[in-house]
Amino acid sequence: MCLAIPVRIVALTGPGMARVSLGGIVKEVSVVLIDDPQPGDYVVLHVGFALAKIDEAEAKRTLELLAELDPRIMAEFAPTDATAGAPS
């Protein structure tokens, strides 16, 4: 069984690469499969590759379901000093 999870792009780091965040975990991943990735976009991530963009509402619904397993996942939607006031 495979699992792909929604994550938010926090920065583009180079050609075809981006830094993503979920629940306080930040990781660099490939975004070569995504058209015009931008910071603030939500993408579905599987084994280090962003597969598709999704809207924030869909990301939140999916993460709410996953949060039933681990509540820390929803930390993605709690503002931090770094993201307070930033567009999402």
N, C-alpha and C. Protein backbone atom coordinates (compact mmCIF):
# COMPACT_ATOMS: atom_id res chain seq x y z
N MET A 1 0.84 -1.17 0.00
CA MET A 1 0.00 0.00 0.00
C MET A 1 0.88 1.24 0.00
N CYS A 2 0.50 2.24 -0.77
CA CYS A 2 1.23 3.49 -0.85
C CYS A 2 0.43 4.59 -0.17
N LEU A 3 1.14 5.58 0.34
CA LEU A 3 0.50 6.71 0.98
C LEU A 3 1.09 7.98 0.42
N ALA A 4 0.23 8.86 -0.06
CA ALA A 4 0.63 10.19 -0.50
C ALA A 4 -0.08 11.18 0.43
N ILE A 5 0.64 12.20 0.86
CA ILE A 5 0.07 13.14 1.82
C ILE A 5 0.17 14.57 1.31
N PRO A 6 -0.78 15.42 1.71
CA PRO A 6 -0.71 16.82 1.32
C PRO A 6 0.34 17.56 2.15
N VAL A 7 1.12 18.38 1.47
CA VAL A 7 2.12 19.23 2.11
C VAL A 7 2.06 20.61 1.46
N ARG A 8 2.61 21.60 2.14
CA ARG A 8 2.62 22.96 1.62
C ARG A 8 4.03 23.33 1.19
N ILE A 9 4.15 23.89 -0.01
CA ILE A 9 5.45 24.39 -0.48
C ILE A 9 5.76 25.66 0.28
N VAL A 10 6.93 25.69 0.93
CA VAL A 10 7.33 26.89 1.66
C VAL A 10 8.38 27.69 0.91
N ALA A 11 9.13 27.06 0.01
CA ALA A 11 10.15 27.78 -0.77
C ALA A 11 10.58 26.93 -1.96
N LEU A 12 10.89 27.61 -3.05
CA LEU A 12 11.53 26.95 -4.18
C LEU A 12 13.02 27.03 -3.92
N THR A 13 13.73 25.91 -4.08
CA THR A 13 15.14 25.87 -3.69
C THR A 13 16.09 25.68 -4.86
N GLY A 14 15.58 25.43 -6.03
CA GLY A 14 16.42 25.24 -7.21
C GLY A 14 15.57 24.68 -8.32
N PRO A 15 16.16 24.46 -9.47
CA PRO A 15 15.38 23.91 -10.59
C PRO A 15 14.72 22.59 -10.21
N GLY A 16 13.40 22.58 -10.23
CA GLY A 16 12.66 21.35 -9.96
C GLY A 16 12.65 20.89 -8.52
N MET A 17 13.08 21.75 -7.60
CA MET A 17 13.14 21.37 -6.18
C MET A 17 12.44 22.42 -5.33
N ALA A 18 11.87 21.95 -4.21
CA ALA A 18 11.19 22.86 -3.28
C ALA A 18 11.30 22.33 -1.88
N ARG A 19 11.18 23.24 -0.93
CA ARG A 19 11.10 22.86 0.48
C ARG A 19 9.61 22.83 0.83
N VAL A 20 9.17 21.73 1.46
CA VAL A 20 7.77 21.57 1.85
C VAL A 20 7.69 21.38 3.36
N SER A 21 6.50 21.63 3.90
CA SER A 21 6.30 21.54 5.33
C SER A 21 5.01 20.80 5.64
N LEU A 22 5.07 20.01 6.72
CA LEU A 22 3.88 19.36 7.27
C LEU A 22 4.13 19.07 8.73
N GLY A 23 3.27 19.59 9.57
CA GLY A 23 3.35 19.28 10.99
C GLY A 23 4.68 19.58 11.63
N GLY A 24 5.34 20.66 11.17
CA GLY A 24 6.63 21.03 11.73
C GLY A 24 7.83 20.35 11.09
N ILE A 25 7.58 19.43 10.19
CA ILE A 25 8.66 18.75 9.48
C ILE A 25 8.85 19.45 8.13
N VAL A 26 10.08 19.81 7.82
CA VAL A 26 10.41 20.47 6.57
C VAL A 26 11.35 19.55 5.81
N LYS A 27 11.07 19.39 4.51
CA LYS A 27 11.86 18.47 3.70
C LYS A 27 12.00 19.03 2.29
N GLU A 28 13.12 18.76 1.65
CA GLU A 28 13.30 19.16 0.26
C GLU A 28 12.83 18.02 -0.64
N VAL A 29 12.01 18.38 -1.64
CA VAL A 29 11.42 17.37 -2.53
C VAL A 29 11.49 17.84 -3.98
N SER A 30 11.24 16.91 -4.87
CA SER A 30 11.17 17.23 -6.30
C SER A 30 9.77 17.73 -6.65
N VAL A 31 9.74 18.82 -7.44
CA VAL A 31 8.47 19.33 -7.94
C VAL A 31 8.46 19.33 -9.47
N VAL A 32 9.29 18.50 -10.08
CA VAL A 32 9.39 18.49 -11.54
C VAL A 32 8.09 18.04 -12.22
N LEU A 33 7.22 17.34 -11.50
CA LEU A 33 5.97 16.86 -12.08
C LEU A 33 4.83 17.87 -11.96
N ILE A 34 5.10 19.02 -11.32
CA ILE A 34 4.08 20.02 -11.05
C ILE A 34 4.25 21.20 -12.00
N ASP A 35 3.14 21.67 -12.58
CA ASP A 35 3.18 22.87 -13.40
C ASP A 35 3.21 24.10 -12.51
N ASP A 36 4.21 24.94 -12.71
CA ASP A 36 4.33 26.23 -12.04
C ASP A 36 4.17 26.16 -10.51
N PRO A 37 4.99 25.36 -9.82
CA PRO A 37 4.90 25.31 -8.36
C PRO A 37 5.28 26.66 -7.75
N GLN A 38 4.55 27.06 -6.71
CA GLN A 38 4.80 28.32 -6.04
C GLN A 38 4.72 28.13 -4.53
N PRO A 39 5.48 28.92 -3.77
CA PRO A 39 5.33 28.88 -2.32
C PRO A 39 3.87 29.15 -1.94
N GLY A 40 3.38 28.38 -0.99
CA GLY A 40 1.98 28.49 -0.58
C GLY A 40 1.09 27.45 -1.22
N ASP A 41 1.54 26.85 -2.34
CA ASP A 41 0.75 25.79 -2.98
C ASP A 41 0.74 24.55 -2.11
N TYR A 42 -0.36 23.83 -2.14
CA TYR A 42 -0.43 22.51 -1.52
C TYR A 42 -0.29 21.47 -2.61
N VAL A 43 0.51 20.46 -2.33
CA VAL A 43 0.74 19.38 -3.28
C VAL A 43 0.61 18.04 -2.57
N VAL A 44 0.33 17.01 -3.34
CA VAL A 44 0.30 15.65 -2.81
C VAL A 44 1.71 15.08 -2.98
N LEU A 45 2.30 14.62 -1.87
CA LEU A 45 3.68 14.15 -1.86
C LEU A 45 3.73 12.64 -1.68
N HIS A 46 4.54 12.00 -2.52
CA HIS A 46 4.76 10.55 -2.41
C HIS A 46 6.23 10.28 -2.68
N VAL A 47 6.88 9.63 -1.74
CA VAL A 47 8.30 9.26 -1.79
C VAL A 47 9.21 10.34 -2.39
N GLY A 48 9.02 11.58 -1.92
CA GLY A 48 9.91 12.65 -2.32
C GLY A 48 9.53 13.38 -3.59
N PHE A 49 8.39 13.04 -4.18
CA PHE A 49 7.94 13.69 -5.41
C PHE A 49 6.56 14.28 -5.21
N ALA A 50 6.42 15.57 -5.53
CA ALA A 50 5.10 16.19 -5.55
C ALA A 50 4.40 15.70 -6.82
N LEU A 51 3.22 15.10 -6.64
CA LEU A 51 2.53 14.49 -7.78
C LEU A 51 1.49 15.39 -8.42
N ALA A 52 0.81 16.22 -7.60
CA ALA A 52 -0.26 17.06 -8.12
C ALA A 52 -0.54 18.18 -7.13
N LYS A 53 -1.00 19.31 -7.65
CA LYS A 53 -1.46 20.38 -6.78
C LYS A 53 -2.87 20.05 -6.30
N ILE A 54 -3.16 20.47 -5.06
CA ILE A 54 -4.53 20.39 -4.55
C ILE A 54 -4.83 21.71 -3.84
N ASP A 55 -6.11 22.01 -3.68
CA ASP A 55 -6.44 23.26 -2.99
C ASP A 55 -6.34 23.08 -1.48
N GLU A 56 -6.26 24.20 -0.78
CA GLU A 56 -6.07 24.17 0.67
C GLU A 56 -7.20 23.45 1.38
N ALA A 57 -8.43 23.62 0.91
CA ALA A 57 -9.57 22.96 1.56
C ALA A 57 -9.44 21.43 1.48
N GLU A 58 -9.04 20.93 0.33
CA GLU A 58 -8.86 19.48 0.18
C GLU A 58 -7.70 18.99 1.04
N ALA A 59 -6.61 19.76 1.07
CA ALA A 59 -5.47 19.40 1.92
C ALA A 59 -5.91 19.33 3.38
N LYS A 60 -6.67 20.32 3.82
CA LYS A 60 -7.12 20.36 5.21
C LYS A 60 -8.03 19.17 5.53
N ARG A 61 -8.96 18.85 4.63
CA ARG A 61 -9.86 17.71 4.87
C ARG A 61 -9.06 16.42 5.01
N THR A 62 -8.09 16.23 4.13
CA THR A 62 -7.27 15.02 4.18
C THR A 62 -6.46 14.97 5.46
N LEU A 63 -5.85 16.11 5.81
CA LEU A 63 -5.03 16.14 7.02
C LEU A 63 -5.87 15.96 8.29
N GLU A 64 -7.12 16.44 8.27
CA GLU A 64 -8.01 16.21 9.42
C GLU A 64 -8.26 14.72 9.63
N LEU A 65 -8.44 14.01 8.53
CA LEU A 65 -8.62 12.56 8.64
C LEU A 65 -7.36 11.89 9.18
N LEU A 66 -6.20 12.31 8.67
CA LEU A 66 -4.94 11.75 9.16
C LEU A 66 -4.68 12.14 10.62
N ALA A 67 -5.19 13.31 11.04
CA ALA A 67 -4.98 13.78 12.41
C ALA A 67 -5.69 12.89 13.42
N GLU A 68 -6.67 12.15 12.96
CA GLU A 68 -7.31 11.19 13.87
C GLU A 68 -6.28 10.14 14.31
N LEU A 69 -5.28 9.90 13.48
CA LEU A 69 -4.20 8.98 13.84
C LEU A 69 -3.12 9.69 14.65
N ASP A 70 -2.81 10.97 14.29
CA ASP A 70 -1.77 11.72 14.98
C ASP A 70 -2.12 13.21 14.94
N PRO A 71 -2.59 13.78 16.06
CA PRO A 71 -3.04 15.17 16.08
C PRO A 71 -1.96 16.19 15.71
N ARG A 72 -0.69 15.85 15.78
CA ARG A 72 0.37 16.81 15.42
C ARG A 72 0.31 17.21 13.96
N ILE A 73 -0.33 16.39 13.14
CA ILE A 73 -0.41 16.69 11.71
C ILE A 73 -1.10 18.03 11.47
N MET A 74 -2.11 18.36 12.25
CA MET A 74 -2.84 19.61 12.03
C MET A 74 -2.04 20.84 12.42
N ALA A 75 -0.87 20.68 12.99
CA ALA A 75 -0.02 21.83 13.31
C ALA A 75 0.29 22.63 12.05
N GLU A 76 0.18 22.01 10.88
CA GLU A 76 0.42 22.71 9.62
C GLU A 76 -0.47 23.93 9.49
N PHE A 77 -1.67 23.88 10.05
CA PHE A 77 -2.63 24.97 9.88
C PHE A 77 -2.62 25.95 11.04
N ALA A 78 -1.73 25.76 12.02
CA ALA A 78 -1.58 26.72 13.12
C ALA A 78 -0.51 27.72 12.73
N PRO A 79 -0.81 29.03 12.82
CA PRO A 79 0.18 30.03 12.44
C PRO A 79 1.42 29.97 13.33
N THR A 80 2.57 30.21 12.73
CA THR A 80 3.82 30.33 13.48
C THR A 80 4.39 31.71 13.18
N ASP A 81 5.44 32.09 13.87
CA ASP A 81 6.06 33.38 13.61
C ASP A 81 6.49 33.51 12.16
N ALA A 82 6.96 32.39 11.58
CA ALA A 82 7.46 32.42 10.20
C ALA A 82 6.34 32.54 9.18
N THR A 83 5.13 32.06 9.52
CA THR A 83 4.05 32.07 8.52
C THR A 83 2.93 33.02 8.86
N ALA A 84 2.94 33.63 10.03
CA ALA A 84 1.87 34.54 10.43
C ALA A 84 1.78 35.68 9.41
N GLY A 85 0.59 35.88 8.90
CA GLY A 85 0.36 36.94 7.93
C GLY A 85 0.77 36.60 6.52
N ALA A 86 1.42 35.47 6.32
CA ALA A 86 1.82 35.07 4.96
C ALA A 86 0.62 34.53 4.22
N PRO A 87 0.47 34.84 2.94
CA PRO A 87 -0.64 34.27 2.18
C PRO A 87 -0.50 32.76 2.07
N SER A 88 -1.63 32.08 2.09
CA SER A 88 -1.58 30.62 1.96
C SER A 88 -2.23 30.15 0.69
